[in-house]
């Protein structure tokens, strides 16, 4: 089943300008039929949430390569909660310094250790 109507908002956090992993994830998501709104790099937490609202997204997928940007992921979860969309939008995190433990700590829904796992989880999230 192709998830034709599911929308993911993806990007790298503010001050993190690495995008190779994000681009790979985007390609893999699109290969599974998922519409991706790519915010690029150097994205503020509020922009992830605003874009999710604007695009009626199902998932916000956040990536970080630098440990210094990890706390911003928790900001996305908090802002999504404050904006009242947390029960509608799932949050997926991934990137080299991240773990399932960190995902649980900040209240995100999914952790992907690599692009292949992320695309499988994306499809799973769409089918729920």
PDB file of N, CA and C in Angstrom:
ATOM      1  N   UNK A   1       0.841  -1.190   0.000  1.00  0.00           N
ATOM      2  CA  UNK A   1       0.000   0.000   0.000  1.00  0.00           C
ATOM      3  C   UNK A   1       0.882   1.248   0.000  1.00  0.00           C
ATOM      4  N   UNK A   2       0.712   2.093  -0.983  1.00  0.00           N
ATOM      5  CA  UNK A   2       1.478   3.331  -1.062  1.00  0.00           C
ATOM      6  C   UNK A   2       0.764   4.418  -0.269  1.00  0.00           C
ATOM      7  N   UNK A   3       1.471   5.095   0.611  1.00  0.00           N
ATOM      8  CA  UNK A   3       0.866   6.117   1.481  1.00  0.00           C
ATOM      9  C   UNK A   3       0.734   7.460   0.771  1.00  0.00           C
ATOM     10  N   UNK A   4      -0.096   7.528  -0.254  1.00  0.00           N
ATOM     11  CA  UNK A   4      -0.199   8.700  -1.112  1.00  0.00           C
ATOM     12  C   UNK A   4      -0.525   9.997  -0.384  1.00  0.00           C
ATOM     13  N   UNK A   5      -1.263   9.936   0.676  1.00  0.00           N
ATOM     14  CA  UNK A   5      -1.731  11.159   1.317  1.00  0.00           C
ATOM     15  C   UNK A   5      -0.937  11.556   2.555  1.00  0.00           C
ATOM     16  N   UNK A   6       0.177  10.923   2.808  1.00  0.00           N
ATOM     17  CA  UNK A   6       0.931  11.227   4.008  1.00  0.00           C
ATOM     18  C   UNK A   6       2.029  12.231   3.717  1.00  0.00           C
ATOM     19  N   UNK A   7       2.173  13.201   4.612  1.00  0.00           N
ATOM     20  CA  UNK A   7       3.120  14.287   4.413  1.00  0.00           C
ATOM     21  C   UNK A   7       4.117  14.310   5.561  1.00  0.00           C
ATOM     22  N   UNK A   8       5.378  14.368   5.201  1.00  0.00           N
ATOM     23  CA  UNK A   8       6.459  14.501   6.171  1.00  0.00           C
ATOM     24  C   UNK A   8       7.133  15.837   5.967  1.00  0.00           C
ATOM     25  N   UNK A   9       7.424  16.522   7.068  1.00  0.00           N
ATOM     26  CA  UNK A   9       8.233  17.732   7.046  1.00  0.00           C
ATOM     27  C   UNK A   9       9.598  17.330   7.578  1.00  0.00           C
ATOM     28  N   UNK A  10      10.655  17.573   6.784  1.00  0.00           N
ATOM     29  CA  UNK A  10      11.997  17.197   7.232  1.00  0.00           C
ATOM     30  C   UNK A  10      12.938  18.389   7.158  1.00  0.00           C
ATOM     31  N   UNK A  11      14.024  18.290   7.935  1.00  0.00           N
ATOM     32  CA  UNK A  11      15.052  19.325   7.883  1.00  0.00           C
ATOM     33  C   UNK A  11      16.104  19.109   8.948  1.00  0.00           C
ATOM     34  N   UNK A  12      17.154  19.903   8.846  1.00  0.00           N
ATOM     35  CA  UNK A  12      18.216  19.938   9.850  1.00  0.00           C
ATOM     36  C   UNK A  12      18.044  21.195  10.684  1.00  0.00           C
ATOM     37  N   UNK A  13      18.419  21.112  11.940  1.00  0.00           N
ATOM     38  CA  UNK A  13      18.221  22.222  12.874  1.00  0.00           C
ATOM     39  C   UNK A  13      19.128  23.402  12.638  1.00  0.00           C
ATOM     40  N   UNK A  14      18.681  24.496  13.217  1.00  0.00           N
ATOM     41  CA  UNK A  14      19.432  25.741  13.162  1.00  0.00           C
ATOM     42  C   UNK A  14      20.867  25.494  13.631  1.00  0.00           C
ATOM     43  N   UNK A  15      21.781  26.014  12.921  1.00  0.00           N
ATOM     44  CA  UNK A  15      23.238  25.924  13.089  1.00  0.00           C
ATOM     45  C   UNK A  15      23.819  24.585  12.619  1.00  0.00           C
ATOM     46  N   UNK A  16      22.993  23.643  12.179  1.00  0.00           N
ATOM     47  CA  UNK A  16      23.494  22.378  11.640  1.00  0.00           C
ATOM     48  C   UNK A  16      23.305  22.431  10.127  1.00  0.00           C
ATOM     49  N   UNK A  17      24.394  22.541   9.398  1.00  0.00           N
ATOM     50  CA  UNK A  17      24.325  22.762   7.959  1.00  0.00           C
ATOM     51  C   UNK A  17      24.604  21.497   7.146  1.00  0.00           C
ATOM     52  N   UNK A  18      24.647  20.359   7.789  1.00  0.00           N
ATOM     53  CA  UNK A  18      24.904  19.100   7.094  1.00  0.00           C
ATOM     54  C   UNK A  18      23.606  18.583   6.482  1.00  0.00           C
ATOM     55  N   UNK A  19      23.648  18.188   5.223  1.00  0.00           N
ATOM     56  CA  UNK A  19      22.393  17.759   4.622  1.00  0.00           C
ATOM     57  C   UNK A  19      22.460  16.465   3.822  1.00  0.00           C
ATOM     58  N   UNK A  20      23.581  15.805   3.786  1.00  0.00           N
ATOM     59  CA  UNK A  20      23.675  14.565   3.006  1.00  0.00           C
ATOM     60  C   UNK A  20      22.702  13.517   3.544  1.00  0.00           C
ATOM     61  N   UNK A  21      22.678  13.318   4.846  1.00  0.00           N
ATOM     62  CA  UNK A  21      21.772  12.335   5.441  1.00  0.00           C
ATOM     63  C   UNK A  21      20.315  12.689   5.216  1.00  0.00           C
ATOM     64  N   UNK A  22      19.982  13.964   5.391  1.00  0.00           N
ATOM     65  CA  UNK A  22      18.600  14.421   5.174  1.00  0.00           C
ATOM     66  C   UNK A  22      18.179  14.165   3.742  1.00  0.00           C
ATOM     67  N   UNK A  23      19.067  14.458   2.804  1.00  0.00           N
ATOM     68  CA  UNK A  23      18.742  14.255   1.392  1.00  0.00           C
ATOM     69  C   UNK A  23      18.538  12.772   1.072  1.00  0.00           C
ATOM     70  N   UNK A  24      19.335  11.928   1.671  1.00  0.00           N
ATOM     71  CA  UNK A  24      19.177  10.485   1.481  1.00  0.00           C
ATOM     72  C   UNK A  24      17.841  10.011   2.052  1.00  0.00           C
ATOM     73  N   UNK A  25      17.501  10.484   3.241  1.00  0.00           N
ATOM     74  CA  UNK A  25      16.219  10.128   3.859  1.00  0.00           C
ATOM     75  C   UNK A  25      15.069  10.608   2.983  1.00  0.00           C
ATOM     76  N   UNK A  26      15.172  11.824   2.475  1.00  0.00           N
ATOM     77  CA  UNK A  26      14.120  12.366   1.610  1.00  0.00           C
ATOM     78  C   UNK A  26      13.898  11.454   0.403  1.00  0.00           C
ATOM     79  N   UNK A  27      14.967  11.067  -0.244  1.00  0.00           N
ATOM     80  CA  UNK A  27      14.855  10.189  -1.417  1.00  0.00           C
ATOM     81  C   UNK A  27      14.208   8.855  -1.067  1.00  0.00           C
ATOM     82  N   UNK A  28      14.591   8.308   0.078  1.00  0.00           N
ATOM     83  CA  UNK A  28      14.034   7.015   0.484  1.00  0.00           C
ATOM     84  C   UNK A  28      12.556   7.137   0.847  1.00  0.00           C
ATOM     85  N   UNK A  29      12.175   8.229   1.513  1.00  0.00           N
ATOM     86  CA  UNK A  29      10.763   8.461   1.825  1.00  0.00           C
ATOM     87  C   UNK A  29       9.956   8.592   0.533  1.00  0.00           C
ATOM     88  N   UNK A  30      10.456   9.410  -0.389  1.00  0.00           N
ATOM     89  CA  UNK A  30       9.751   9.614  -1.649  1.00  0.00           C
ATOM     90  C   UNK A  30       9.648   8.307  -2.438  1.00  0.00           C
ATOM     91  N   UNK A  31      10.667   7.468  -2.326  1.00  0.00           N
ATOM     92  CA  UNK A  31      10.632   6.170  -2.983  1.00  0.00           C
ATOM     93  C   UNK A  31       9.531   5.267  -2.451  1.00  0.00           C
ATOM     94  N   UNK A  32       9.085   5.539  -1.245  1.00  0.00           N
ATOM     95  CA  UNK A  32       7.981   4.780  -0.644  1.00  0.00           C
ATOM     96  C   UNK A  32       6.635   5.475  -0.876  1.00  0.00           C
ATOM     97  N   UNK A  33       6.652   6.557  -1.648  1.00  0.00           N
ATOM     98  CA  UNK A  33       5.411   7.242  -1.997  1.00  0.00           C
ATOM     99  C   UNK A  33       4.975   8.301  -1.006  1.00  0.00           C
ATOM    100  N   UNK A  34       5.865   8.719  -0.137  1.00  0.00           N
ATOM    101  CA  UNK A  34       5.532   9.716   0.883  1.00  0.00           C
ATOM    102  C   UNK A  34       5.894  11.107   0.375  1.00  0.00           C
ATOM    103  N   UNK A  35       4.959  12.040   0.481  1.00  0.00           N
ATOM    104  CA  UNK A  35       5.227  13.427   0.114  1.00  0.00           C
ATOM    105  C   UNK A  35       6.121  14.047   1.186  1.00  0.00           C
ATOM    106  N   UNK A  36       7.202  14.693   0.750  1.00  0.00           N
ATOM    107  CA  UNK A  36       8.165  15.280   1.675  1.00  0.00           C
ATOM    108  C   UNK A  36       8.260  16.785   1.437  1.00  0.00           C
ATOM    109  N   UNK A  37       8.116  17.539   2.503  1.00  0.00           N
ATOM    110  CA  UNK A  37       8.334  18.983   2.483  1.00  0.00           C
ATOM    111  C   UNK A  37       9.724  19.189   3.094  1.00  0.00           C
ATOM    112  N   UNK A  38      10.692  19.526   2.264  1.00  0.00           N
ATOM    113  CA  UNK A  38      12.083  19.653   2.704  1.00  0.00           C
ATOM    114  C   UNK A  38      12.366  21.103   3.076  1.00  0.00           C
ATOM    115  N   UNK A  39      12.553  21.348   4.361  1.00  0.00           N
ATOM    116  CA  UNK A  39      12.834  22.695   4.843  1.00  0.00           C
ATOM    117  C   UNK A  39      14.307  23.062   4.716  1.00  0.00           C
ATOM    118  N   UNK A  40      15.147  22.082   4.395  1.00  0.00           N
ATOM    119  CA  UNK A  40      16.566  22.352   4.207  1.00  0.00           C
ATOM    120  C   UNK A  40      17.350  22.281   5.495  1.00  0.00           C
ATOM    121  N   UNK A  41      18.365  23.136   5.586  1.00  0.00           N
ATOM    122  CA  UNK A  41      19.237  23.168   6.757  1.00  0.00           C
ATOM    123  C   UNK A  41      19.048  24.484   7.494  1.00  0.00           C
ATOM    124  N   UNK A  42      19.575  24.540   8.712  1.00  0.00           N
ATOM    125  CA  UNK A  42      19.536  25.765   9.520  1.00  0.00           C
ATOM    126  C   UNK A  42      18.093  26.198   9.804  1.00  0.00           C
ATOM    127  N   UNK A  43      17.247  25.213  10.164  1.00  0.00           N
ATOM    128  CA  UNK A  43      15.816  25.438  10.379  1.00  0.00           C
ATOM    129  C   UNK A  43      15.521  25.631  11.870  1.00  0.00           C
ATOM    130  N   UNK A  44      14.783  26.663  12.197  1.00  0.00           N
ATOM    131  CA  UNK A  44      14.385  26.933  13.579  1.00  0.00           C
ATOM    132  C   UNK A  44      13.280  25.958  14.003  1.00  0.00           C
ATOM    133  N   UNK A  45      13.231  25.573  15.289  1.00  0.00           N
ATOM    134  CA  UNK A  45      12.193  24.645  15.764  1.00  0.00           C
ATOM    135  C   UNK A  45      10.773  25.093  15.430  1.00  0.00           C
ATOM    136  N   UNK A  46      10.497  26.371  15.574  1.00  0.00           N
ATOM    137  CA  UNK A  46       9.169  26.914  15.268  1.00  0.00           C
ATOM    138  C   UNK A  46       8.795  26.678  13.805  1.00  0.00           C
ATOM    139  N   UNK A  47       9.797  26.737  12.914  1.00  0.00           N
ATOM    140  CA  UNK A  47       9.541  26.553  11.485  1.00  0.00           C
ATOM    141  C   UNK A  47       9.101  25.124  11.161  1.00  0.00           C
ATOM    142  N   UNK A  48       9.657  24.138  11.883  1.00  0.00           N
ATOM    143  CA  UNK A  48       9.209  22.757  11.698  1.00  0.00           C
ATOM    144  C   UNK A  48       7.716  22.646  12.013  1.00  0.00           C
ATOM    145  N   UNK A  49       7.323  23.202  13.133  1.00  0.00           N
ATOM    146  CA  UNK A  49       5.937  23.099  13.590  1.00  0.00           C
ATOM    147  C   UNK A  49       5.008  23.920  12.696  1.00  0.00           C
ATOM    148  N   UNK A  50       5.405  25.140  12.376  1.00  0.00           N
ATOM    149  CA  UNK A  50       4.577  25.977  11.505  1.00  0.00           C
ATOM    150  C   UNK A  50       4.355  25.313  10.145  1.00  0.00           C
ATOM    151  N   UNK A  51       5.403  24.726   9.601  1.00  0.00           N
ATOM    152  CA  UNK A  51       5.284  24.047   8.317  1.00  0.00           C
ATOM    153  C   UNK A  51       4.383  22.821   8.424  1.00  0.00           C
ATOM    154  N   UNK A  52       4.500  22.088   9.520  1.00  0.00           N
ATOM    155  CA  UNK A  52       3.636  20.925   9.729  1.00  0.00           C
ATOM    156  C   UNK A  52       2.164  21.339   9.764  1.00  0.00           C
ATOM    157  N   UNK A  53       1.879  22.463  10.423  1.00  0.00           N
ATOM    158  CA  UNK A  53       0.505  22.976  10.487  1.00  0.00           C
ATOM    159  C   UNK A  53       0.050  23.407   9.091  1.00  0.00           C
ATOM    160  N   UNK A  54       0.884  24.181   8.425  1.00  0.00           N
ATOM    161  CA  UNK A  54       0.560  24.716   7.105  1.00  0.00           C
ATOM    162  C   UNK A  54       0.333  23.609   6.068  1.00  0.00           C
ATOM    163  N   UNK A  55       1.143  22.573   6.130  1.00  0.00           N
ATOM    164  CA  UNK A  55       1.078  21.489   5.140  1.00  0.00           C
ATOM    165  C   UNK A  55       0.174  20.341   5.581  1.00  0.00           C
ATOM    166  N   UNK A  56      -0.407  20.462   6.781  1.00  0.00           N
ATOM    167  CA  UNK A  56      -1.224  19.390   7.339  1.00  0.00           C
ATOM    168  C   UNK A  56      -0.436  18.079   7.382  1.00  0.00           C
ATOM    169  N   UNK A  57       0.788  18.174   7.880  1.00  0.00           N
ATOM    170  CA  UNK A  57       1.714  17.044   7.893  1.00  0.00           C
ATOM    171  C   UNK A  57       1.321  15.998   8.918  1.00  0.00           C
ATOM    172  N   UNK A  58       1.687  14.782   8.639  1.00  0.00           N
ATOM    173  CA  UNK A  58       1.467  13.663   9.545  1.00  0.00           C
ATOM    174  C   UNK A  58       2.661  13.452  10.464  1.00  0.00           C
ATOM    175  N   UNK A  59       3.852  13.797   9.962  1.00  0.00           N
ATOM    176  CA  UNK A  59       5.086  13.544  10.707  1.00  0.00           C
ATOM    177  C   UNK A  59       6.053  14.697  10.498  1.00  0.00           C
ATOM    178  N   UNK A  60       6.755  15.052  11.568  1.00  0.00           N
ATOM    179  CA  UNK A  60       7.904  15.953  11.499  1.00  0.00           C
ATOM    180  C   UNK A  60       9.130  15.064  11.689  1.00  0.00           C
ATOM    181  N   UNK A  61      10.026  15.059  10.705  1.00  0.00           N
ATOM    182  CA  UNK A  61      11.242  14.251  10.780  1.00  0.00           C
ATOM    183  C   UNK A  61      12.426  15.191  10.923  1.00  0.00           C
ATOM    184  N   UNK A  62      13.106  15.103  12.052  1.00  0.00           N
ATOM    185  CA  UNK A  62      14.202  16.011  12.373  1.00  0.00           C
ATOM    186  C   UNK A  62      15.515  15.246  12.419  1.00  0.00           C
ATOM    187  N   UNK A  63      16.531  15.870  11.894  1.00  0.00           N
ATOM    188  CA  UNK A  63      17.830  15.218  11.839  1.00  0.00           C
ATOM    189  C   UNK A  63      18.894  16.139  12.419  1.00  0.00           C
ATOM    190  N   UNK A  64      19.886  15.540  13.060  1.00  0.00           N
ATOM    191  CA  UNK A  64      20.996  16.305  13.617  1.00  0.00           C
ATOM    192  C   UNK A  64      22.281  15.507  13.473  1.00  0.00           C
ATOM    193  N   UNK A  65      23.328  16.191  13.103  1.00  0.00           N
ATOM    194  CA  UNK A  65      24.645  15.571  13.061  1.00  0.00           C
ATOM    195  C   UNK A  65      25.495  16.080  14.212  1.00  0.00           C
ATOM    196  N   UNK A  66      25.251  17.300  14.643  1.00  0.00           N
ATOM    197  CA  UNK A  66      26.023  17.904  15.728  1.00  0.00           C
ATOM    198  C   UNK A  66      25.332  17.706  17.077  1.00  0.00           C
ATOM    199  N   UNK A  67      26.083  17.317  18.076  1.00  0.00           N
ATOM    200  CA  UNK A  67      25.498  17.132  19.411  1.00  0.00           C
ATOM    201  C   UNK A  67      24.957  18.443  19.967  1.00  0.00           C
ATOM    202  N   UNK A  68      25.517  19.545  19.534  1.00  0.00           N
ATOM    203  CA  UNK A  68      25.064  20.851  20.033  1.00  0.00           C
ATOM    204  C   UNK A  68      23.650  21.186  19.570  1.00  0.00           C
ATOM    205  N   UNK A  69      23.157  20.526  18.534  1.00  0.00           N
ATOM    206  CA  UNK A  69      21.803  20.808  18.046  1.00  0.00           C
ATOM    207  C   UNK A  69      20.764  19.842  18.614  1.00  0.00           C
ATOM    208  N   UNK A  70      21.194  18.831  19.331  1.00  0.00           N
ATOM    209  CA  UNK A  70      20.254  17.848  19.878  1.00  0.00           C
ATOM    210  C   UNK A  70      19.168  18.458  20.763  1.00  0.00           C
ATOM    211  N   UNK A  71      19.492  19.398  21.640  1.00  0.00           N
ATOM    212  CA  UNK A  71      18.435  19.967  22.500  1.00  0.00           C
ATOM    213  C   UNK A  71      17.314  20.655  21.719  1.00  0.00           C
ATOM    214  N   UNK A  72      17.595  21.073  20.497  1.00  0.00           N
ATOM    215  CA  UNK A  72      16.576  21.739  19.700  1.00  0.00           C
ATOM    216  C   UNK A  72      15.446  20.769  19.353  1.00  0.00           C
ATOM    217  N   UNK A  73      15.745  19.475  19.279  1.00  0.00           N
ATOM    218  CA  UNK A  73      14.713  18.477  18.993  1.00  0.00           C
ATOM    219  C   UNK A  73      13.635  18.488  20.068  1.00  0.00           C
ATOM    220  N   UNK A  74      14.051  18.632  21.300  1.00  0.00           N
ATOM    221  CA  UNK A  74      13.088  18.707  22.394  1.00  0.00           C
ATOM    222  C   UNK A  74      12.221  19.954  22.248  1.00  0.00           C
ATOM    223  N   UNK A  75      12.802  21.039  21.721  1.00  0.00           N
ATOM    224  CA  UNK A  75      12.029  22.262  21.486  1.00  0.00           C
ATOM    225  C   UNK A  75      10.910  22.015  20.479  1.00  0.00           C
ATOM    226  N   UNK A  76      11.184  21.217  19.451  1.00  0.00           N
ATOM    227  CA  UNK A  76      10.157  20.910  18.460  1.00  0.00           C
ATOM    228  C   UNK A  76       8.995  20.175  19.121  1.00  0.00           C
ATOM    229  N   UNK A  77       9.309  19.205  19.979  1.00  0.00           N
ATOM    230  CA  UNK A  77       8.266  18.461  20.692  1.00  0.00           C
ATOM    231  C   UNK A  77       7.445  19.419  21.558  1.00  0.00           C
ATOM    232  N   UNK A  78       8.121  20.303  22.277  1.00  0.00           N
ATOM    233  CA  UNK A  78       7.428  21.255  23.152  1.00  0.00           C
ATOM    234  C   UNK A  78       6.550  22.219  22.366  1.00  0.00           C
ATOM    235  N   UNK A  79       7.065  22.742  21.269  1.00  0.00           N
ATOM    236  CA  UNK A  79       6.294  23.697  20.471  1.00  0.00           C
ATOM    237  C   UNK A  79       5.084  23.014  19.836  1.00  0.00           C
ATOM    238  N   UNK A  80       5.272  21.779  19.360  1.00  0.00           N
ATOM    239  CA  UNK A  80       4.145  21.033  18.783  1.00  0.00           C
ATOM    240  C   UNK A  80       3.057  20.824  19.837  1.00  0.00           C
ATOM    241  N   UNK A  81       3.463  20.570  21.076  1.00  0.00           N
ATOM    242  CA  UNK A  81       2.509  20.405  22.171  1.00  0.00           C
ATOM    243  C   UNK A  81       1.795  21.721  22.452  1.00  0.00           C
ATOM    244  N   UNK A  82       2.567  22.811  22.534  1.00  0.00           N
ATOM    245  CA  UNK A  82       1.989  24.138  22.799  1.00  0.00           C
ATOM    246  C   UNK A  82       1.008  24.566  21.712  1.00  0.00           C
ATOM    247  N   UNK A  83       1.299  24.202  20.470  1.00  0.00           N
ATOM    248  CA  UNK A  83       0.440  24.578  19.336  1.00  0.00           C
ATOM    249  C   UNK A  83      -0.764  23.647  19.184  1.00  0.00           C
ATOM    250  N   UNK A  84      -0.844  22.623  20.030  1.00  0.00           N
ATOM    251  CA  UNK A  84      -2.002  21.738  20.025  1.00  0.00           C
ATOM    252  C   UNK A  84      -2.027  20.705  18.909  1.00  0.00           C
ATOM    253  N   UNK A  85      -0.874  20.403  18.319  1.00  0.00           N
ATOM    254  CA  UNK A  85      -0.860  19.415  17.230  1.00  0.00           C
ATOM    255  C   UNK A  85      -0.164  18.115  17.612  1.00  0.00           C
ATOM    256  N   UNK A  86       0.285  18.026  18.835  1.00  0.00           N
ATOM    257  CA  UNK A  86       1.090  16.873  19.242  1.00  0.00           C
ATOM    258  C   UNK A  86       0.330  15.553  19.128  1.00  0.00           C
ATOM    259  N   UNK A  87      -0.982  15.590  19.312  1.00  0.00           N
ATOM    260  CA  UNK A  87      -1.763  14.355  19.195  1.00  0.00           C
ATOM    261  C   UNK A  87      -2.022  13.986  17.738  1.00  0.00           C
ATOM    262  N   UNK A  88      -1.759  14.894  16.816  1.00  0.00           N
ATOM    263  CA  UNK A  88      -1.989  14.656  15.394  1.00  0.00           C
ATOM    264  C   UNK A  88      -0.693  14.351  14.637  1.00  0.00           C
ATOM    265  N   UNK A  89       0.407  14.967  15.049  1.00  0.00           N
ATOM    266  CA  UNK A  89       1.669  14.861  14.330  1.00  0.00           C
ATOM    267  C   UNK A  89       2.667  14.011  15.119  1.00  0.00           C
ATOM    268  N   UNK A  90       3.207  13.012  14.463  1.00  0.00           N
ATOM    269  CA  UNK A  90       4.259  12.192  15.060  1.00  0.00           C
ATOM    270  C   UNK A  90       5.596  12.880  14.812  1.00  0.00           C
ATOM    271  N   UNK A  91       6.550  12.659  15.699  1.00  0.00           N
ATOM    272  CA  UNK A  91       7.873  13.257  15.541  1.00  0.00           C
ATOM    273  C   UNK A  91       8.909  12.145  15.473  1.00  0.00           C
ATOM    274  N   UNK A  92       9.687  12.167  14.385  1.00  0.00           N
ATOM    275  CA  UNK A  92      10.741  11.196  14.154  1.00  0.00           C
ATOM    276  C   UNK A  92      12.080  11.922  14.225  1.00  0.00           C
ATOM    277  N   UNK A  93      13.054  11.326  14.918  1.00  0.00           N
ATOM    278  CA  UNK A  93      14.380  11.922  14.979  1.00  0.00           C
ATOM    279  C   UNK A  93      15.414  10.923  14.471  1.00  0.00           C
ATOM    280  N   UNK A  94      16.511  11.458  13.969  1.00  0.00           N
ATOM    281  CA  UNK A  94      17.595  10.614  13.506  1.00  0.00           C
ATOM    282  C   UNK A  94      18.861  11.427  13.340  1.00  0.00           C
ATOM    283  N   UNK A  95      19.955  10.726  13.229  1.00  0.00           N
ATOM    284  CA  UNK A  95      21.247  11.379  13.068  1.00  0.00           C
ATOM    285  C   UNK A  95      22.295  10.671  13.905  1.00  0.00           C
ATOM    286  N   UNK A  96      23.544  10.891  13.557  1.00  0.00           N
ATOM    287  CA  UNK A  96      24.661  10.164  14.156  1.00  0.00           C
ATOM    288  C   UNK A  96      24.720  10.194  15.689  1.00  0.00           C
ATOM    289  N   UNK A  97      24.488  11.335  16.351  1.00  0.00           N
ATOM    290  CA  UNK A  97      24.660  11.345  17.800  1.00  0.00           C
ATOM    291  C   UNK A  97      23.435  10.866  18.599  1.00  0.00           C
ATOM    292  N   UNK A  98      22.365  10.479  17.910  1.00  0.00           N
ATOM    293  CA  UNK A  98      21.106  10.189  18.592  1.00  0.00           C
ATOM    294  C   UNK A  98      20.938   8.715  18.932  1.00  0.00           C
ATOM    295  N   UNK A  99      20.055   8.453  19.909  1.00  0.00           N
ATOM    296  CA  UNK A  99      19.762   7.094  20.352  1.00  0.00           C
ATOM    297  C   UNK A  99      18.267   6.971  20.652  1.00  0.00           C
ATOM    298  N   UNK A 100      17.823   5.740  20.794  1.00  0.00           N
ATOM    299  CA  UNK A 100      16.438   5.506  21.201  1.00  0.00           C
ATOM    300  C   UNK A 100      16.191   6.097  22.584  1.00  0.00           C
ATOM    301  N   UNK A 101      17.180   6.019  23.440  1.00  0.00           N
ATOM    302  CA  UNK A 101      17.067   6.569  24.788  1.00  0.00           C
ATOM    303  C   UNK A 101      16.806   8.083  24.737  1.00  0.00           C
ATOM    304  N   UNK A 102      17.508   8.780  23.865  1.00  0.00           N
ATOM    305  CA  UNK A 102      17.304  10.220  23.728  1.00  0.00           C
ATOM    306  C   UNK A 102      15.909  10.501  23.165  1.00  0.00           C
ATOM    307  N   UNK A 103      15.481   9.709  22.211  1.00  0.00           N
ATOM    308  CA  UNK A 103      14.135   9.839  21.643  1.00  0.00           C
ATOM    309  C   UNK A 103      13.090   9.735  22.752  1.00  0.00           C
ATOM    310  N   UNK A 104      13.231   8.727  23.596  1.00  0.00           N
ATOM    311  CA  UNK A 104      12.296   8.531  24.704  1.00  0.00           C
ATOM    312  C   UNK A 104      12.345   9.704  25.684  1.00  0.00           C
ATOM    313  N   UNK A 105      13.554  10.181  25.960  1.00  0.00           N
ATOM    314  CA  UNK A 105      13.742  11.267  26.924  1.00  0.00           C
ATOM    315  C   UNK A 105      13.015  12.542  26.505  1.00  0.00           C
ATOM    316  N   UNK A 106      13.064  12.874  25.209  1.00  0.00           N
ATOM    317  CA  UNK A 106      12.458  14.133  24.764  1.00  0.00           C
ATOM    318  C   UNK A 106      10.997  13.981  24.357  1.00  0.00           C
ATOM    319  N   UNK A 107      10.501  12.753  24.318  1.00  0.00           N
ATOM    320  CA  UNK A 107       9.101  12.529  23.990  1.00  0.00           C
ATOM    321  C   UNK A 107       8.789  12.437  22.508  1.00  0.00           C
ATOM    322  N   UNK A 108       9.817  12.156  21.682  1.00  0.00           N
ATOM    323  CA  UNK A 108       9.572  11.939  20.257  1.00  0.00           C
ATOM    324  C   UNK A 108       8.965  10.550  20.076  1.00  0.00           C
ATOM    325  N   UNK A 109       8.407  10.300  18.908  1.00  0.00           N
ATOM    326  CA  UNK A 109       7.713   9.038  18.663  1.00  0.00           C
ATOM    327  C   UNK A 109       8.567   7.962  18.034  1.00  0.00           C
ATOM    328  N   UNK A 110       9.502   8.359  17.173  1.00  0.00           N
ATOM    329  CA  UNK A 110      10.313   7.388  16.443  1.00  0.00           C
ATOM    330  C   UNK A 110      11.768   7.826  16.428  1.00  0.00           C
ATOM    331  N   UNK A 111      12.661   6.842  16.502  1.00  0.00           N
ATOM    332  CA  UNK A 111      14.094   7.062  16.322  1.00  0.00           C
ATOM    333  C   UNK A 111      14.568   6.166  15.191  1.00  0.00           C
ATOM    334  N   UNK A 112      15.315   6.741  14.268  1.00  0.00           N
ATOM    335  CA  UNK A 112      15.895   5.963  13.174  1.00  0.00           C
ATOM    336  C   UNK A 112      17.409   6.138  13.187  1.00  0.00           C
ATOM    337  N   UNK A 113      18.104   5.021  13.263  1.00  0.00           N
ATOM    338  CA  UNK A 113      19.563   5.048  13.315  1.00  0.00           C
ATOM    339  C   UNK A 113      20.170   5.315  11.940  1.00  0.00           C
ATOM    340  N   UNK A 114      19.408   5.058  10.873  1.00  0.00           N
ATOM    341  CA  UNK A 114      19.921   5.275   9.526  1.00  0.00           C
ATOM    342  C   UNK A 114      18.751   5.521   8.573  1.00  0.00           C
ATOM    343  N   UNK A 115      19.062   5.894   7.346  1.00  0.00           N
ATOM    344  CA  UNK A 115      18.033   6.253   6.371  1.00  0.00           C
ATOM    345  C   UNK A 115      17.114   5.082   6.035  1.00  0.00           C
ATOM    346  N   UNK A 116      17.671   3.883   5.919  1.00  0.00           N
ATOM    347  CA  UNK A 116      16.845   2.712   5.583  1.00  0.00           C
ATOM    348  C   UNK A 116      15.835   2.431   6.687  1.00  0.00           C
ATOM    349  N   UNK A 117      16.292   2.467   7.928  1.00  0.00           N
ATOM    350  CA  UNK A 117      15.388   2.268   9.058  1.00  0.00           C
ATOM    351  C   UNK A 117      14.352   3.380   9.098  1.00  0.00           C
ATOM    352  N   UNK A 118      14.781   4.604   8.848  1.00  0.00           N
ATOM    353  CA  UNK A 118      13.865   5.740   8.839  1.00  0.00           C
ATOM    354  C   UNK A 118      12.770   5.593   7.809  1.00  0.00           C
ATOM    355  N   UNK A 119      13.113   5.114   6.626  1.00  0.00           N
ATOM    356  CA  UNK A 119      12.084   4.970   5.595  1.00  0.00           C
ATOM    357  C   UNK A 119      11.116   3.844   5.936  1.00  0.00           C
ATOM    358  N   UNK A 120      11.609   2.798   6.564  1.00  0.00           N
ATOM    359  CA  UNK A 120      10.715   1.725   7.012  1.00  0.00           C
ATOM    360  C   UNK A 120       9.759   2.223   8.099  1.00  0.00           C
ATOM    361  N   UNK A 121      10.315   3.002   9.042  1.00  0.00           N
ATOM    362  CA  UNK A 121       9.478   3.569  10.110  1.00  0.00           C
ATOM    363  C   UNK A 121       8.472   4.574   9.533  1.00  0.00           C
ATOM    364  N   UNK A 122       8.889   5.315   8.524  1.00  0.00           N
ATOM    365  CA  UNK A 122       7.990   6.278   7.889  1.00  0.00           C
ATOM    366  C   UNK A 122       6.793   5.576   7.291  1.00  0.00           C
ATOM    367  N   UNK A 123       7.048   4.477   6.618  1.00  0.00           N
ATOM    368  CA  UNK A 123       5.959   3.704   6.029  1.00  0.00           C
ATOM    369  C   UNK A 123       5.052   3.126   7.115  1.00  0.00           C
ATOM    370  N   UNK A 124       5.670   2.620   8.179  1.00  0.00           N
ATOM    371  CA  UNK A 124       4.906   2.081   9.318  1.00  0.00           C
ATOM    372  C   UNK A 124       4.010   3.160   9.930  1.00  0.00           C
ATOM    373  N   UNK A 125       4.560   4.354  10.111  1.00  0.00           N
ATOM    374  CA  UNK A 125       3.803   5.459  10.695  1.00  0.00           C
ATOM    375  C   UNK A 125       2.620   5.839   9.807  1.00  0.00           C
ATOM    376  N   UNK A 126       2.822   5.781   8.499  1.00  0.00           N
ATOM    377  CA  UNK A 126       1.756   6.122   7.561  1.00  0.00           C
ATOM    378  C   UNK A 126       0.627   5.104   7.589  1.00  0.00           C
ATOM    379  N   UNK A 127       0.948   3.868   7.887  1.00  0.00           N
ATOM    380  CA  UNK A 127      -0.050   2.806   7.854  1.00  0.00           C
ATOM    381  C   UNK A 127      -0.836   2.692   9.145  1.00  0.00           C
ATOM    382  N   UNK A 128      -0.415   3.422  10.191  1.00  0.00           N
ATOM    383  CA  UNK A 128      -1.136   3.374  11.460  1.00  0.00           C
ATOM    384  C   UNK A 128      -2.325   4.284  11.429  1.00  0.00           C
TER     385      UNK A 128
END
